[in-house]
N, C-alpha and C. Protein backbone atom coordinates (compact mmCIF):
# COMPACT_ATOMS: atom_id res chain seq x y z
N MET A 1 0.83 -1.19 0.00
CA MET A 1 0.00 0.00 0.00
C MET A 1 0.87 1.24 0.00
N LYS A 2 0.55 2.18 -0.87
CA LYS A 2 1.30 3.42 -0.94
C LYS A 2 0.84 4.36 0.16
N ILE A 3 1.77 4.83 0.95
CA ILE A 3 1.45 5.73 2.05
C ILE A 3 1.85 7.14 1.66
N SER A 4 0.86 8.01 1.51
CA SER A 4 1.16 9.39 1.16
C SER A 4 1.27 10.22 2.42
N PRO A 5 2.00 11.33 2.37
CA PRO A 5 2.19 12.17 3.55
C PRO A 5 0.86 12.67 4.09
N PRO A 6 0.70 12.74 5.41
CA PRO A 6 -0.54 13.22 6.00
C PRO A 6 -0.73 14.70 5.70
N THR A 7 -1.99 15.08 5.61
CA THR A 7 -2.31 16.49 5.37
C THR A 7 -2.45 17.19 6.71
N ILE A 8 -1.63 18.17 6.96
CA ILE A 8 -1.71 18.95 8.19
C ILE A 8 -2.28 20.31 7.84
N ARG A 9 -3.45 20.62 8.38
CA ARG A 9 -4.05 21.91 8.08
C ARG A 9 -3.38 23.00 8.89
N ASN A 10 -3.28 24.17 8.29
CA ASN A 10 -2.56 25.27 8.92
C ASN A 10 -3.40 26.03 9.93
N HIS A 11 -4.73 25.97 9.82
CA HIS A 11 -5.58 26.75 10.69
C HIS A 11 -5.99 25.93 11.90
N ALA A 12 -5.79 26.49 13.09
CA ALA A 12 -6.15 25.79 14.33
C ALA A 12 -7.50 26.30 14.82
N LEU A 13 -7.76 26.07 16.12
CA LEU A 13 -8.99 26.57 16.71
C LEU A 13 -8.93 28.09 16.77
N THR A 14 -10.03 28.70 17.21
CA THR A 14 -10.03 30.14 17.35
C THR A 14 -9.02 30.53 18.42
N LEU A 15 -8.60 31.77 18.42
CA LEU A 15 -7.60 32.23 19.37
C LEU A 15 -8.09 32.05 20.79
N VAL A 16 -9.36 32.32 21.03
CA VAL A 16 -9.91 32.18 22.38
C VAL A 16 -9.87 30.73 22.83
N GLU A 17 -10.28 29.81 21.94
CA GLU A 17 -10.28 28.39 22.29
C GLU A 17 -8.87 27.88 22.55
N LEU A 18 -7.92 28.30 21.72
CA LEU A 18 -6.54 27.89 21.90
C LEU A 18 -5.98 28.41 23.21
N CYS A 19 -6.31 29.65 23.55
CA CYS A 19 -5.83 30.23 24.81
C CYS A 19 -6.38 29.47 26.01
N ILE A 20 -7.64 29.00 25.90
CA ILE A 20 -8.24 28.23 26.99
C ILE A 20 -7.51 26.92 27.18
N VAL A 21 -7.21 26.22 26.06
CA VAL A 21 -6.50 24.94 26.15
C VAL A 21 -5.13 25.13 26.77
N ILE A 22 -4.40 26.14 26.32
CA ILE A 22 -3.06 26.40 26.85
C ILE A 22 -3.13 26.77 28.32
N ALA A 23 -4.14 27.57 28.70
CA ALA A 23 -4.28 27.99 30.09
C ALA A 23 -4.54 26.80 31.01
N VAL A 24 -5.36 25.86 30.54
CA VAL A 24 -5.65 24.66 31.35
C VAL A 24 -4.39 23.83 31.55
N ILE A 25 -3.66 23.60 30.46
CA ILE A 25 -2.44 22.79 30.53
C ILE A 25 -1.40 23.47 31.42
N THR A 26 -1.25 24.79 31.27
CA THR A 26 -0.29 25.53 32.09
C THR A 26 -0.68 25.50 33.56
N GLY A 27 -1.97 25.62 33.80
CA GLY A 27 -2.45 25.57 35.19
C GLY A 27 -2.13 24.26 35.86
N PHE A 28 -2.33 23.15 35.13
CA PHE A 28 -2.00 21.85 35.70
C PHE A 28 -0.50 21.72 35.95
N ALA A 29 0.31 22.23 35.03
CA ALA A 29 1.76 22.14 35.20
C ALA A 29 2.21 22.88 36.46
N ILE A 30 1.65 24.06 36.68
CA ILE A 30 2.00 24.83 37.89
C ILE A 30 1.53 24.10 39.14
N PHE A 31 0.34 23.54 39.06
CA PHE A 31 -0.21 22.82 40.21
C PHE A 31 0.67 21.63 40.58
N PHE A 32 1.11 20.85 39.58
CA PHE A 32 1.95 19.69 39.84
C PHE A 32 3.26 20.09 40.49
N ALA A 33 3.79 21.23 40.09
CA ALA A 33 5.07 21.68 40.63
C ALA A 33 4.95 22.12 42.08
N LEU A 34 3.76 22.57 42.47
CA LEU A 34 3.58 23.11 43.81
C LEU A 34 3.07 22.09 44.83
N VAL A 35 2.51 20.98 44.34
CA VAL A 35 1.91 19.99 45.24
C VAL A 35 2.85 18.81 45.43
N PRO A 36 3.39 18.61 46.64
CA PRO A 36 4.34 17.53 46.87
C PRO A 36 3.68 16.19 47.20
N ASP A 37 2.45 16.21 47.72
CA ASP A 37 1.79 14.99 48.14
C ASP A 37 1.54 14.07 46.95
N ARG A 38 2.04 12.83 47.02
CA ARG A 38 1.99 11.93 45.87
C ARG A 38 0.57 11.52 45.53
N ASN A 39 -0.28 11.29 46.56
CA ASN A 39 -1.66 10.89 46.28
C ASN A 39 -2.45 12.02 45.63
N VAL A 40 -2.27 13.22 46.13
CA VAL A 40 -2.96 14.36 45.55
C VAL A 40 -2.47 14.59 44.12
N ARG A 41 -1.18 14.45 43.95
CA ARG A 41 -0.59 14.64 42.61
C ARG A 41 -1.12 13.59 41.64
N ALA A 42 -1.22 12.33 42.10
CA ALA A 42 -1.72 11.25 41.24
C ALA A 42 -3.16 11.52 40.82
N ARG A 43 -3.97 12.00 41.77
CA ARG A 43 -5.36 12.31 41.43
C ARG A 43 -5.44 13.46 40.43
N ALA A 44 -4.57 14.46 40.61
CA ALA A 44 -4.56 15.59 39.70
C ALA A 44 -4.15 15.16 38.30
N LEU A 45 -3.17 14.26 38.21
CA LEU A 45 -2.74 13.74 36.91
C LEU A 45 -3.88 13.00 36.22
N SER A 46 -4.64 12.25 37.00
CA SER A 46 -5.76 11.50 36.43
C SER A 46 -6.84 12.46 35.94
N VAL A 47 -7.06 13.54 36.67
CA VAL A 47 -8.05 14.53 36.24
C VAL A 47 -7.64 15.15 34.91
N GLN A 48 -6.36 15.46 34.77
CA GLN A 48 -5.90 16.03 33.51
C GLN A 48 -6.04 15.02 32.38
N CYS A 49 -5.77 13.75 32.66
CA CYS A 49 -5.91 12.70 31.65
C CYS A 49 -7.37 12.60 31.20
N LEU A 50 -8.30 12.66 32.15
CA LEU A 50 -9.72 12.63 31.82
C LEU A 50 -10.09 13.84 30.96
N ASN A 51 -9.52 14.98 31.28
CA ASN A 51 -9.78 16.18 30.50
C ASN A 51 -9.23 16.03 29.07
N ASN A 52 -8.07 15.40 28.95
CA ASN A 52 -7.50 15.14 27.63
C ASN A 52 -8.42 14.28 26.78
N LEU A 53 -8.94 13.22 27.38
CA LEU A 53 -9.83 12.33 26.66
C LEU A 53 -11.10 13.07 26.24
N LYS A 54 -11.61 13.90 27.13
CA LYS A 54 -12.82 14.66 26.83
C LYS A 54 -12.58 15.58 25.64
N GLN A 55 -11.47 16.28 25.63
CA GLN A 55 -11.15 17.18 24.52
C GLN A 55 -10.96 16.42 23.21
N THR A 56 -10.35 15.24 23.30
CA THR A 56 -10.14 14.44 22.09
C THR A 56 -11.47 13.97 21.52
N GLY A 57 -12.38 13.58 22.40
CA GLY A 57 -13.71 13.19 21.94
C GLY A 57 -14.44 14.34 21.27
N MET A 58 -14.31 15.53 21.81
CA MET A 58 -14.93 16.71 21.21
C MET A 58 -14.32 16.99 19.83
N ALA A 59 -13.01 16.77 19.71
CA ALA A 59 -12.35 16.97 18.42
C ALA A 59 -12.87 15.96 17.38
N LEU A 60 -13.06 14.72 17.80
CA LEU A 60 -13.61 13.70 16.90
C LEU A 60 -15.01 14.09 16.45
N ASP A 61 -15.83 14.58 17.37
CA ASP A 61 -17.19 15.00 17.02
C ASP A 61 -17.15 16.16 16.02
N THR A 62 -16.27 17.12 16.26
CA THR A 62 -16.16 18.27 15.37
C THR A 62 -15.71 17.84 13.99
N TRP A 63 -14.71 16.95 13.93
CA TRP A 63 -14.21 16.47 12.65
C TRP A 63 -15.30 15.74 11.89
N SER A 64 -16.04 14.87 12.59
CA SER A 64 -17.08 14.09 11.93
C SER A 64 -18.21 14.98 11.41
N ALA A 65 -18.49 16.08 12.12
CA ALA A 65 -19.54 17.00 11.69
C ALA A 65 -19.21 17.63 10.34
N ASP A 66 -17.92 17.74 10.04
CA ASP A 66 -17.47 18.30 8.76
C ASP A 66 -17.24 17.24 7.70
N HIS A 67 -17.48 15.97 8.06
CA HIS A 67 -17.21 14.88 7.11
C HIS A 67 -18.36 13.87 7.08
N GLY A 68 -19.57 14.40 6.98
CA GLY A 68 -20.72 13.52 6.81
C GLY A 68 -20.99 12.63 7.99
N GLU A 69 -20.69 13.10 9.20
CA GLU A 69 -20.90 12.34 10.44
C GLU A 69 -20.10 11.04 10.46
N LYS A 70 -18.96 11.04 9.82
CA LYS A 70 -18.08 9.88 9.84
C LYS A 70 -16.76 10.27 10.51
N PHE A 71 -16.13 9.28 11.14
CA PHE A 71 -14.85 9.49 11.79
C PHE A 71 -13.71 9.20 10.80
N PRO A 72 -12.50 9.64 11.10
CA PRO A 72 -11.40 9.43 10.15
C PRO A 72 -11.25 7.99 9.68
N MET A 73 -11.45 7.03 10.59
CA MET A 73 -11.25 5.63 10.24
C MET A 73 -12.30 5.09 9.29
N GLU A 74 -13.39 5.84 9.09
CA GLU A 74 -14.45 5.40 8.19
C GLU A 74 -14.29 5.93 6.78
N ILE A 75 -13.33 6.81 6.59
CA ILE A 75 -13.16 7.47 5.29
C ILE A 75 -11.79 7.10 4.71
N SER A 76 -11.76 6.78 3.43
CA SER A 76 -10.50 6.41 2.80
C SER A 76 -9.54 7.58 2.76
N GLN A 77 -8.27 7.28 2.64
CA GLN A 77 -7.25 8.32 2.57
C GLN A 77 -7.46 9.23 1.37
N THR A 78 -7.95 8.66 0.28
CA THR A 78 -8.21 9.44 -0.92
C THR A 78 -9.21 10.56 -0.66
N ASN A 79 -10.15 10.30 0.23
CA ASN A 79 -11.20 11.27 0.55
C ASN A 79 -10.92 12.04 1.84
N GLY A 80 -9.67 11.97 2.30
CA GLY A 80 -9.28 12.77 3.46
C GLY A 80 -9.36 12.07 4.79
N GLY A 81 -9.52 10.75 4.78
CA GLY A 81 -9.62 10.01 6.03
C GLY A 81 -8.40 9.14 6.29
N THR A 82 -8.56 8.17 7.18
CA THR A 82 -7.43 7.30 7.57
C THR A 82 -7.83 5.83 7.60
N MET A 83 -8.79 5.46 6.83
CA MET A 83 -9.29 4.08 6.84
C MET A 83 -8.18 3.06 6.63
N GLU A 84 -7.24 3.38 5.77
CA GLU A 84 -6.18 2.42 5.44
C GLU A 84 -5.18 2.23 6.59
N PHE A 85 -5.28 3.03 7.64
CA PHE A 85 -4.33 2.94 8.75
C PHE A 85 -4.93 2.35 10.02
N ALA A 86 -6.05 1.65 9.88
CA ALA A 86 -6.70 1.04 11.04
C ALA A 86 -6.07 -0.32 11.35
N TYR A 87 -4.76 -0.35 11.45
CA TYR A 87 -4.01 -1.56 11.78
C TYR A 87 -2.58 -1.14 12.08
N GLY A 88 -1.79 -2.05 12.62
CA GLY A 88 -0.36 -1.81 12.82
C GLY A 88 -0.05 -0.59 13.68
N ALA A 89 1.12 -0.04 13.45
CA ALA A 89 1.61 1.08 14.26
C ALA A 89 1.22 2.43 13.66
N TYR A 90 -0.02 2.53 13.20
CA TYR A 90 -0.48 3.74 12.53
C TYR A 90 -1.57 4.48 13.28
N GLU A 91 -1.83 4.13 14.51
CA GLU A 91 -2.95 4.77 15.21
C GLU A 91 -2.82 6.30 15.24
N TRP A 92 -1.61 6.77 15.37
CA TRP A 92 -1.38 8.21 15.46
C TRP A 92 -1.96 8.99 14.30
N ARG A 93 -2.08 8.36 13.14
CA ARG A 93 -2.59 9.06 11.96
C ARG A 93 -4.06 9.49 12.14
N HIS A 94 -4.84 8.72 12.91
CA HIS A 94 -6.24 9.08 13.12
C HIS A 94 -6.35 10.41 13.87
N PHE A 95 -5.35 10.74 14.67
CA PHE A 95 -5.36 11.98 15.44
C PHE A 95 -4.61 13.10 14.72
N GLN A 96 -3.56 12.74 14.02
CA GLN A 96 -2.80 13.76 13.29
C GLN A 96 -3.67 14.47 12.27
N ILE A 97 -4.56 13.73 11.65
CA ILE A 97 -5.41 14.32 10.62
C ILE A 97 -6.40 15.32 11.22
N MET A 98 -6.57 15.27 12.55
CA MET A 98 -7.46 16.19 13.25
C MET A 98 -6.67 17.31 13.92
N SER A 99 -5.53 17.67 13.37
CA SER A 99 -4.69 18.68 14.00
C SER A 99 -5.42 20.01 14.18
N ASN A 100 -6.30 20.33 13.24
CA ASN A 100 -7.05 21.57 13.34
C ASN A 100 -7.99 21.56 14.54
N GLU A 101 -8.66 20.43 14.74
CA GLU A 101 -9.63 20.32 15.82
C GLU A 101 -8.96 20.17 17.19
N LEU A 102 -7.83 19.50 17.23
CA LEU A 102 -7.15 19.26 18.51
C LEU A 102 -6.29 20.45 18.94
N ALA A 103 -5.80 21.21 18.00
CA ALA A 103 -4.97 22.40 18.26
C ALA A 103 -3.57 22.05 18.74
N THR A 104 -3.44 21.12 19.67
CA THR A 104 -2.12 20.75 20.20
C THR A 104 -2.06 19.25 20.46
N PRO A 105 -0.94 18.59 20.15
CA PRO A 105 -0.82 17.15 20.41
C PRO A 105 -0.63 16.82 21.89
N ILE A 106 -0.47 17.82 22.72
CA ILE A 106 -0.27 17.57 24.15
C ILE A 106 -1.47 16.86 24.75
N VAL A 107 -2.68 17.11 24.23
CA VAL A 107 -3.88 16.50 24.78
C VAL A 107 -3.94 15.01 24.50
N LEU A 108 -3.05 14.50 23.64
CA LEU A 108 -3.02 13.07 23.32
C LEU A 108 -2.01 12.32 24.18
N HIS A 109 -1.44 13.02 25.15
CA HIS A 109 -0.44 12.43 26.03
C HIS A 109 -0.92 12.48 27.47
N CYS A 110 -0.93 11.33 28.13
CA CYS A 110 -1.33 11.28 29.55
C CYS A 110 -0.16 11.75 30.41
N PRO A 111 -0.38 12.69 31.33
CA PRO A 111 0.71 13.18 32.17
C PRO A 111 1.25 12.14 33.14
N SER A 112 0.56 11.00 33.29
CA SER A 112 1.05 9.92 34.15
C SER A 112 2.01 8.99 33.41
N GLU A 113 2.22 9.22 32.13
CA GLU A 113 3.14 8.39 31.36
C GLU A 113 4.55 8.45 31.95
N LYS A 114 5.17 7.27 32.06
CA LYS A 114 6.52 7.19 32.61
C LYS A 114 7.59 7.19 31.51
N TRP A 115 7.23 6.70 30.33
CA TRP A 115 8.25 6.50 29.30
C TRP A 115 8.02 7.34 28.06
N ARG A 116 6.82 7.72 27.79
CA ARG A 116 6.53 8.47 26.57
C ARG A 116 6.46 9.97 26.85
N LYS A 117 6.85 10.75 25.87
CA LYS A 117 6.87 12.20 26.00
C LYS A 117 5.86 12.81 25.02
N PRO A 118 5.28 13.95 25.37
CA PRO A 118 4.35 14.60 24.46
C PRO A 118 5.07 15.21 23.26
N ALA A 119 4.39 15.26 22.14
CA ALA A 119 4.95 15.91 20.96
C ALA A 119 4.75 17.42 21.06
N THR A 120 5.63 18.16 20.44
CA THR A 120 5.51 19.62 20.44
C THR A 120 4.74 20.13 19.24
N ASN A 121 4.56 19.26 18.24
CA ASN A 121 3.79 19.65 17.05
C ASN A 121 3.28 18.38 16.36
N PHE A 122 2.36 18.57 15.43
CA PHE A 122 1.77 17.43 14.74
C PHE A 122 2.64 16.91 13.60
N ILE A 123 3.62 17.65 13.18
CA ILE A 123 4.51 17.17 12.13
C ILE A 123 5.35 16.00 12.63
N SER A 124 5.85 16.10 13.85
CA SER A 124 6.70 15.04 14.41
C SER A 124 5.91 14.03 15.24
N PHE A 125 4.62 14.22 15.38
CA PHE A 125 3.77 13.37 16.22
C PHE A 125 3.70 11.94 15.68
N ASN A 126 3.82 10.94 16.58
CA ASN A 126 3.66 9.53 16.22
C ASN A 126 3.24 8.75 17.45
N ASN A 127 3.22 7.43 17.36
CA ASN A 127 2.75 6.60 18.47
C ASN A 127 3.55 6.78 19.75
N SER A 128 4.80 7.18 19.65
CA SER A 128 5.62 7.35 20.85
C SER A 128 5.17 8.55 21.68
N ASN A 129 4.27 9.36 21.12
CA ASN A 129 3.72 10.51 21.83
C ASN A 129 2.26 10.32 22.20
N LEU A 130 1.75 9.13 21.96
CA LEU A 130 0.32 8.85 22.10
C LEU A 130 0.06 7.92 23.29
N SER A 131 -0.89 8.29 24.14
CA SER A 131 -1.17 7.52 25.36
C SER A 131 -2.48 6.74 25.31
N TYR A 132 -3.26 6.91 24.26
CA TYR A 132 -4.61 6.38 24.27
C TYR A 132 -4.89 5.43 23.10
N PHE A 133 -5.72 4.43 23.37
CA PHE A 133 -6.22 3.56 22.30
C PHE A 133 -7.49 4.18 21.73
N ILE A 134 -7.90 3.69 20.57
CA ILE A 134 -9.18 4.09 20.00
C ILE A 134 -9.94 2.84 19.58
N ASN A 135 -11.24 2.84 19.84
CA ASN A 135 -12.07 1.68 19.52
C ASN A 135 -12.46 1.73 18.05
N LEU A 136 -12.04 0.74 17.29
CA LEU A 136 -12.32 0.71 15.86
C LEU A 136 -13.75 0.30 15.54
N ASP A 137 -14.49 -0.18 16.53
CA ASP A 137 -15.88 -0.55 16.30
C ASP A 137 -16.77 0.69 16.38
N TYR A 138 -16.34 1.73 15.71
CA TYR A 138 -17.04 3.02 15.69
C TYR A 138 -18.35 2.95 14.93
N SER A 139 -18.52 1.93 14.07
CA SER A 139 -19.73 1.86 13.24
C SER A 139 -20.93 1.37 14.03
N ARG A 140 -20.71 0.94 15.26
CA ARG A 140 -21.82 0.49 16.09
C ARG A 140 -21.83 1.26 17.41
N PRO A 141 -21.85 2.57 17.34
CA PRO A 141 -21.76 3.34 18.58
C PRO A 141 -23.05 3.24 19.41
N SER A 142 -22.90 3.12 20.69
CA SER A 142 -24.01 3.19 21.63
C SER A 142 -23.53 4.05 22.79
N PRO A 143 -24.42 4.68 23.55
CA PRO A 143 -23.99 5.57 24.62
C PRO A 143 -23.02 4.94 25.61
N SER A 144 -23.14 3.64 25.83
CA SER A 144 -22.30 2.98 26.83
C SER A 144 -21.04 2.36 26.23
N ALA A 145 -20.83 2.52 24.93
CA ALA A 145 -19.66 1.92 24.29
C ALA A 145 -18.39 2.69 24.62
N ILE A 146 -17.28 1.98 24.70
CA ILE A 146 -15.99 2.60 24.94
C ILE A 146 -15.50 3.23 23.64
N TRP A 147 -15.02 4.45 23.74
CA TRP A 147 -14.55 5.19 22.57
C TRP A 147 -13.02 5.29 22.57
N LEU A 148 -12.48 5.84 23.64
CA LEU A 148 -11.04 6.00 23.82
C LEU A 148 -10.67 5.61 25.23
N GLY A 149 -9.38 5.36 25.47
CA GLY A 149 -8.96 5.05 26.83
C GLY A 149 -7.45 4.92 26.95
N ASP A 150 -6.99 4.84 28.18
CA ASP A 150 -5.56 4.68 28.45
C ASP A 150 -5.03 3.41 27.80
N ARG A 151 -3.82 3.47 27.34
CA ARG A 151 -3.23 2.37 26.57
C ARG A 151 -2.77 1.19 27.43
N ASN A 152 -2.71 1.36 28.77
CA ASN A 152 -2.12 0.34 29.64
C ASN A 152 -3.11 -0.77 29.98
N ILE A 153 -3.68 -1.36 28.94
CA ILE A 153 -4.61 -2.49 29.11
C ILE A 153 -3.88 -3.79 28.83
N THR A 154 -4.14 -4.77 29.63
CA THR A 154 -3.60 -6.10 29.40
C THR A 154 -4.77 -7.09 29.41
N ALA A 155 -4.70 -8.07 28.52
CA ALA A 155 -5.79 -9.03 28.43
C ALA A 155 -5.28 -10.46 28.29
N GLY A 156 -3.99 -10.67 28.52
CA GLY A 156 -3.44 -12.00 28.40
C GLY A 156 -3.45 -12.52 26.98
N ALA A 157 -3.57 -11.59 26.01
CA ALA A 157 -3.61 -11.98 24.61
C ALA A 157 -2.73 -11.03 23.82
N PRO A 158 -2.17 -11.49 22.72
CA PRO A 158 -1.29 -10.62 21.93
C PRO A 158 -2.05 -9.52 21.22
N VAL A 159 -1.37 -8.44 20.94
CA VAL A 159 -1.93 -7.35 20.14
C VAL A 159 -1.58 -7.66 18.69
N ASN A 160 -2.53 -8.20 17.98
CA ASN A 160 -2.29 -8.63 16.60
C ASN A 160 -2.33 -7.46 15.64
N ASN A 161 -1.17 -7.18 15.03
CA ASN A 161 -1.07 -6.11 14.04
C ASN A 161 -1.60 -4.79 14.58
N GLY A 162 -1.31 -4.52 15.84
CA GLY A 162 -1.68 -3.25 16.43
C GLY A 162 -3.07 -3.18 17.01
N VAL A 163 -3.83 -4.26 16.89
CA VAL A 163 -5.22 -4.25 17.35
C VAL A 163 -5.43 -5.30 18.45
N LEU A 164 -6.01 -4.87 19.55
CA LEU A 164 -6.34 -5.77 20.66
C LEU A 164 -7.83 -6.03 20.61
N GLU A 165 -8.21 -7.29 20.37
CA GLU A 165 -9.61 -7.66 20.30
C GLU A 165 -10.08 -8.17 21.66
N LEU A 166 -11.08 -7.51 22.20
CA LEU A 166 -11.59 -7.87 23.51
C LEU A 166 -13.04 -8.32 23.40
N THR A 167 -13.32 -9.51 23.90
CA THR A 167 -14.70 -9.96 23.99
C THR A 167 -15.28 -9.51 25.32
N THR A 168 -16.57 -9.64 25.48
CA THR A 168 -17.24 -9.15 26.69
C THR A 168 -16.80 -9.90 27.94
N ASN A 169 -16.25 -11.10 27.77
CA ASN A 169 -15.80 -11.87 28.94
C ASN A 169 -14.28 -11.95 29.03
N ALA A 170 -13.58 -11.05 28.35
CA ALA A 170 -12.12 -11.07 28.36
C ALA A 170 -11.58 -10.72 29.74
N PRO A 171 -10.51 -11.41 30.18
CA PRO A 171 -9.91 -11.16 31.50
C PRO A 171 -9.01 -9.92 31.48
N VAL A 172 -9.59 -8.77 31.20
CA VAL A 172 -8.80 -7.55 31.05
C VAL A 172 -8.45 -6.93 32.41
N ALA A 173 -7.38 -6.17 32.42
CA ALA A 173 -6.94 -5.47 33.62
C ALA A 173 -6.06 -4.30 33.19
N TRP A 174 -5.71 -3.47 34.14
CA TRP A 174 -4.79 -2.36 33.90
C TRP A 174 -3.40 -2.73 34.40
N THR A 175 -2.39 -2.34 33.69
CA THR A 175 -1.03 -2.54 34.17
C THR A 175 -0.65 -1.40 35.11
N THR A 176 0.56 -1.45 35.63
CA THR A 176 1.00 -0.44 36.58
C THR A 176 1.65 0.77 35.89
N GLU A 177 1.67 0.77 34.57
CA GLU A 177 2.36 1.85 33.86
C GLU A 177 1.77 3.23 34.14
N MET A 178 0.46 3.29 34.32
CA MET A 178 -0.23 4.57 34.49
C MET A 178 -1.34 4.40 35.52
N HIS A 179 -1.52 5.38 36.34
CA HIS A 179 -2.66 5.46 37.26
C HIS A 179 -2.78 4.29 38.25
N ARG A 180 -1.67 3.65 38.57
CA ARG A 180 -1.65 2.64 39.64
C ARG A 180 -2.74 1.57 39.47
N LYS A 181 -2.69 0.86 38.36
CA LYS A 181 -3.62 -0.23 38.06
C LYS A 181 -5.06 0.24 37.92
N GLN A 182 -5.22 1.49 37.56
CA GLN A 182 -6.52 2.02 37.18
C GLN A 182 -6.36 2.67 35.81
N GLY A 183 -7.46 3.08 35.23
CA GLY A 183 -7.37 3.70 33.92
C GLY A 183 -8.57 4.58 33.64
N ASN A 184 -8.45 5.39 32.62
CA ASN A 184 -9.50 6.32 32.25
C ASN A 184 -10.09 5.94 30.90
N LEU A 185 -11.40 6.12 30.79
CA LEU A 185 -12.13 5.78 29.57
C LEU A 185 -13.00 6.94 29.13
N LEU A 186 -13.13 7.10 27.82
CA LEU A 186 -14.10 8.01 27.24
C LEU A 186 -15.17 7.16 26.57
N MET A 187 -16.42 7.43 26.88
CA MET A 187 -17.51 6.66 26.32
C MET A 187 -18.10 7.40 25.12
N PHE A 188 -18.90 6.69 24.30
CA PHE A 188 -19.47 7.29 23.10
C PHE A 188 -20.47 8.40 23.42
N ASP A 189 -20.99 8.44 24.64
CA ASP A 189 -21.90 9.53 25.00
C ASP A 189 -21.14 10.78 25.46
N GLY A 190 -19.80 10.72 25.44
CA GLY A 190 -18.99 11.87 25.80
C GLY A 190 -18.58 11.91 27.26
N SER A 191 -19.07 10.99 28.06
CA SER A 191 -18.70 10.96 29.47
C SER A 191 -17.34 10.30 29.66
N VAL A 192 -16.65 10.66 30.73
CA VAL A 192 -15.36 10.07 31.04
C VAL A 192 -15.44 9.37 32.39
N GLN A 193 -14.68 8.31 32.53
CA GLN A 193 -14.72 7.51 33.75
C GLN A 193 -13.31 7.09 34.15
N ARG A 194 -13.05 7.08 35.43
CA ARG A 194 -11.83 6.46 35.94
C ARG A 194 -12.26 5.16 36.62
N VAL A 195 -11.74 4.04 36.13
CA VAL A 195 -12.21 2.75 36.61
C VAL A 195 -11.04 1.84 36.98
N ASP A 196 -11.32 0.89 37.88
CA ASP A 196 -10.34 -0.13 38.22
C ASP A 196 -10.59 -1.34 37.33
N LYS A 197 -9.99 -2.48 37.66
CA LYS A 197 -10.14 -3.68 36.84
C LYS A 197 -11.60 -4.10 36.71
N ALA A 198 -12.31 -4.10 37.82
CA ALA A 198 -13.72 -4.50 37.79
C ALA A 198 -14.54 -3.54 36.94
N GLY A 199 -14.25 -2.24 37.06
CA GLY A 199 -14.97 -1.25 36.28
C GLY A 199 -14.68 -1.38 34.79
N LEU A 200 -13.45 -1.72 34.46
CA LEU A 200 -13.09 -1.92 33.06
C LEU A 200 -13.83 -3.10 32.47
N ARG A 201 -13.86 -4.19 33.19
CA ARG A 201 -14.57 -5.38 32.71
C ARG A 201 -16.06 -5.10 32.56
N ASN A 202 -16.61 -4.33 33.48
CA ASN A 202 -18.02 -3.98 33.41
C ASN A 202 -18.29 -3.09 32.19
N ALA A 203 -17.38 -2.15 31.92
CA ALA A 203 -17.55 -1.27 30.77
C ALA A 203 -17.52 -2.05 29.47
N ILE A 204 -16.64 -3.04 29.38
CA ILE A 204 -16.57 -3.87 28.17
C ILE A 204 -17.82 -4.73 28.03
N ALA A 205 -18.28 -5.28 29.14
CA ALA A 205 -19.48 -6.13 29.12
C ALA A 205 -20.71 -5.33 28.69
N ASN A 206 -20.74 -4.03 29.01
CA ASN A 206 -21.90 -3.20 28.71
C ASN A 206 -21.69 -2.33 27.47
N SER A 207 -20.70 -2.69 26.65
CA SER A 207 -20.35 -1.85 25.50
C SER A 207 -21.33 -1.92 24.35
N GLY A 208 -22.20 -2.90 24.38
CA GLY A 208 -23.16 -3.05 23.29
C GLY A 208 -22.64 -3.86 22.12
N SER A 209 -21.41 -4.33 22.22
CA SER A 209 -20.82 -5.14 21.16
C SER A 209 -20.06 -6.29 21.79
N PHE A 210 -20.18 -7.48 21.23
CA PHE A 210 -19.50 -8.64 21.79
C PHE A 210 -17.99 -8.50 21.68
N THR A 211 -17.53 -7.86 20.60
CA THR A 211 -16.10 -7.67 20.38
C THR A 211 -15.78 -6.20 20.25
N ASN A 212 -14.76 -5.77 20.97
CA ASN A 212 -14.25 -4.41 20.85
C ASN A 212 -12.83 -4.49 20.30
N ARG A 213 -12.62 -3.89 19.14
CA ARG A 213 -11.30 -3.91 18.52
C ARG A 213 -10.60 -2.58 18.84
N LEU A 214 -9.63 -2.65 19.71
CA LEU A 214 -8.94 -1.46 20.16
C LEU A 214 -7.61 -1.33 19.43
N GLN A 215 -7.45 -0.26 18.67
CA GLN A 215 -6.15 -0.02 18.05
C GLN A 215 -5.25 0.65 19.08
N MET A 216 -4.11 0.02 19.31
CA MET A 216 -3.20 0.45 20.38
C MET A 216 -2.02 1.24 19.79
N PRO A 217 -1.49 2.18 20.55
CA PRO A 217 -0.34 2.96 20.06
C PRO A 217 0.96 2.19 20.24
N ILE A 218 1.07 1.06 19.51
CA ILE A 218 2.26 0.24 19.63
C ILE A 218 3.45 0.93 18.98
N LEU A 219 4.63 0.55 19.39
CA LEU A 219 5.85 1.10 18.82
C LEU A 219 6.46 0.06 17.89
N GLY A 220 6.97 0.49 16.79
CA GLY A 220 7.57 -0.44 15.86
C GLY A 220 6.57 -0.93 14.83
N PRO A 221 7.00 -1.81 13.93
CA PRO A 221 6.15 -2.29 12.84
C PRO A 221 5.03 -3.18 13.33
């Protein structure tokens, strides 16, 4: 398959909206620097992660409103989408194409990440700057379906070609990489949740689909 360079639009959000995003991120950075208590800091990091997921969901909604109510993964690359990249180490492309709606790639990075760093721009953005999976079963959305979430999911099964397939009875859990064996989820109704292992399994069981195909931000081919 021929991979053409991604289209990065030059126009971002309005100045007011961009200032709000930057102000929120700056505020959290100052807060983290001033608060020494580890538990309080961990909770604050999780709140920022939830806010990131919320903003990303809003960006997806905005993008779809301009593309016939379809998400990037539903539209071919020829028509401005990322359908051909719904596999392997290409998850980042689904978000890069929304650079206008997201304004900054920082919102795609969880502040609890231990090994990955946020990108400073969308030109250099890739999976190494991405903290969240995306549910490829977007064609069957229901209010309780999982849309996005922290990447630190384990299910005792391999991630085949960048995609983790979870059935409703999968023995899923969170690793210790982020949020101390907990994780954050964005649902199709726009709500965000911080859940433990039991909450994650419950969310999958109530997703409205027997199988959830999660494209993960894997590194490498």
